Amino acid sequence: MKRSGKETVKQATMEE
């Protein structure tokens, strides 16, 4: 969504 999916995965992992 933001870049390719790395930032999205990072934020998703932080939220979980």
Protein backbone atom coordinates (compact mmCIF):
# COMPACT_ATOMS: atom_id res chain seq x y z
CA MET A 1 0.00 0.00 0.00
CA LYS A 2 2.68 2.49 1.00
CA ARG A 3 5.77 1.19 -0.80
CA SER A 4 5.45 -2.44 -1.85
CA GLY A 5 4.29 -4.30 1.22
CA LYS A 6 7.31 -4.19 3.50
CA GLU A 7 6.06 -1.17 5.46
CA THR A 8 2.56 -2.61 5.53
CA VAL A 9 3.82 -5.92 6.89
CA LYS A 10 5.98 -4.09 9.42
CA GLN A 11 3.06 -2.04 10.74
CA ALA A 12 0.78 -5.08 10.75
CA THR A 13 3.34 -7.00 12.79
CA MET A 14 3.72 -4.11 15.22
CA GLU A 15 -0.05 -3.85 15.66
CA GLU A 16 -0.33 -7.59 16.29
